[in-house]
Protein backbone atom coordinates (compact mmCIF):
# COMPACT_ATOMS: atom_id res chain seq x y z
CA MET A 1 -46.56 -11.94 4.57
CA ALA A 2 -43.27 -11.85 6.49
CA ALA A 3 -41.16 -8.71 6.38
CA ARG A 4 -38.14 -8.89 4.09
CA TRP A 5 -34.81 -8.97 5.88
CA CYS A 6 -32.56 -6.10 4.88
CA LEU A 7 -28.76 -5.66 5.08
CA PRO A 8 -28.22 -2.05 6.20
CA ILE A 9 -25.16 -0.14 5.06
CA ASP A 10 -23.49 -0.20 8.49
CA ARG A 11 -23.66 -4.03 8.57
CA ARG A 12 -22.30 -4.69 5.08
CA PRO A 13 -19.33 -7.04 4.78
CA CYS A 14 -16.92 -4.38 3.48
CA PRO A 15 -13.58 -3.10 4.67
CA HIS A 16 -14.44 -0.16 6.90
CA ARG A 17 -11.21 1.77 6.47
CA PRO A 18 -11.63 4.80 4.24
CA ALA A 19 -8.28 4.09 2.55
CA LEU A 20 -8.27 0.77 0.74
CA ASP A 21 -4.61 -0.08 1.19
CA ALA A 22 -3.10 -3.51 0.56
CA ALA A 23 -3.03 -4.37 4.26
CA SER A 24 -6.75 -3.71 4.74
CA LEU A 25 -7.51 -5.91 1.72
CA GLY A 26 -5.24 -8.73 2.88
CA LEU A 27 -2.87 -8.26 -0.06
CA ASP A 28 0.22 -6.82 1.63
CA ALA A 29 3.25 -8.09 -0.32
CA ARG A 30 5.53 -7.74 2.71
CA CYS A 31 3.57 -10.33 4.68
CA PHE A 32 3.01 -13.11 2.15
CA SER A 33 4.86 -15.25 -0.34
CA ALA A 34 3.98 -14.99 -4.03
CA ALA A 35 1.77 -18.09 -3.83
CA GLU A 36 -0.08 -16.71 -0.79
CA ARG A 37 -0.57 -13.34 -2.56
CA ARG A 38 -2.04 -15.10 -5.62
CA GLN A 39 -4.42 -17.03 -3.39
CA ALA A 40 -5.37 -13.88 -1.43
CA TYR A 41 -5.90 -11.92 -4.66
CA ARG A 42 -8.10 -14.64 -6.13
CA ALA A 43 -10.20 -14.81 -2.97
CA ALA A 44 -10.51 -11.01 -2.75
CA SER A 45 -11.34 -10.57 -6.45
CA LEU A 46 -14.05 -13.23 -6.26
CA ARG A 47 -15.47 -11.85 -3.02
CA TRP A 48 -15.57 -8.21 -4.12
CA HIS A 49 -16.58 -8.61 -7.77
CA PRO A 50 -19.77 -6.52 -8.05
CA ASP A 51 -21.72 -9.24 -9.89
CA ARG A 52 -20.69 -11.90 -7.36
CA PHE A 53 -21.56 -9.57 -4.49
CA LEU A 54 -25.02 -8.97 -5.93
CA GLN A 55 -25.51 -12.68 -6.42
CA ALA A 56 -24.60 -13.37 -2.78
CA PHE A 57 -26.19 -10.37 -1.05
CA GLY A 58 -28.46 -8.70 -3.64
CA ASN A 59 -31.72 -9.91 -2.13
CA ALA A 60 -30.68 -8.72 1.31
CA LEU A 61 -29.61 -5.17 0.38
CA CYS A 62 -31.88 -2.36 1.51
CA ASP A 63 -33.38 -0.73 -1.54
CA ASP A 64 -32.64 2.79 -0.34
CA GLU A 65 -28.96 1.94 0.31
CA ARG A 66 -28.31 -0.42 -2.61
CA GLU A 67 -26.59 2.18 -4.80
CA VAL A 68 -24.25 3.36 -2.03
CA ILE A 69 -23.33 -0.21 -1.08
CA MET A 70 -22.65 -1.17 -4.69
CA GLN A 71 -20.47 1.94 -5.17
CA ARG A 72 -18.38 0.85 -2.19
CA VAL A 73 -18.15 -2.74 -3.47
CA THR A 74 -16.99 -1.38 -6.84
CA GLN A 75 -14.36 0.77 -5.07
CA VAL A 76 -13.09 -2.27 -3.18
CA SER A 77 -12.99 -4.35 -6.36
CA GLN A 78 -11.05 -1.63 -8.19
CA ALA A 79 -8.65 -1.28 -5.26
CA VAL A 80 -7.97 -5.03 -5.29
CA ASN A 81 -7.21 -4.92 -9.01
CA SER A 82 -5.01 -1.83 -8.76
CA HIS A 83 -2.96 -3.31 -5.88
CA VAL A 84 -2.29 -6.41 -7.93
CA GLN A 85 -1.24 -4.31 -10.92
CA GLU A 86 1.14 -2.28 -8.72
CA THR A 87 2.67 -5.39 -7.12
CA PRO A 88 2.76 -8.21 -9.66
CA LEU A 89 2.06 -11.68 -8.39
């Protein structure tokens, strides 16, 4: 039986900055028009929704790092939502 491929925590597709500011999430209001912000928000919210993330990468997550990765994905998802609430589209 072939070994299962595993996505380690240091290779996850997450923003690596400790602070999840609007610029690191691609949602900086100073750089985009309202339509571009809506499009960026929609893309970010779909990409970082925990259920969507699990659907896309769940089979590849290392079992011993799954909880830490999902905590980070949840933090990113919450940051996306809070940035949109702070700066209405």
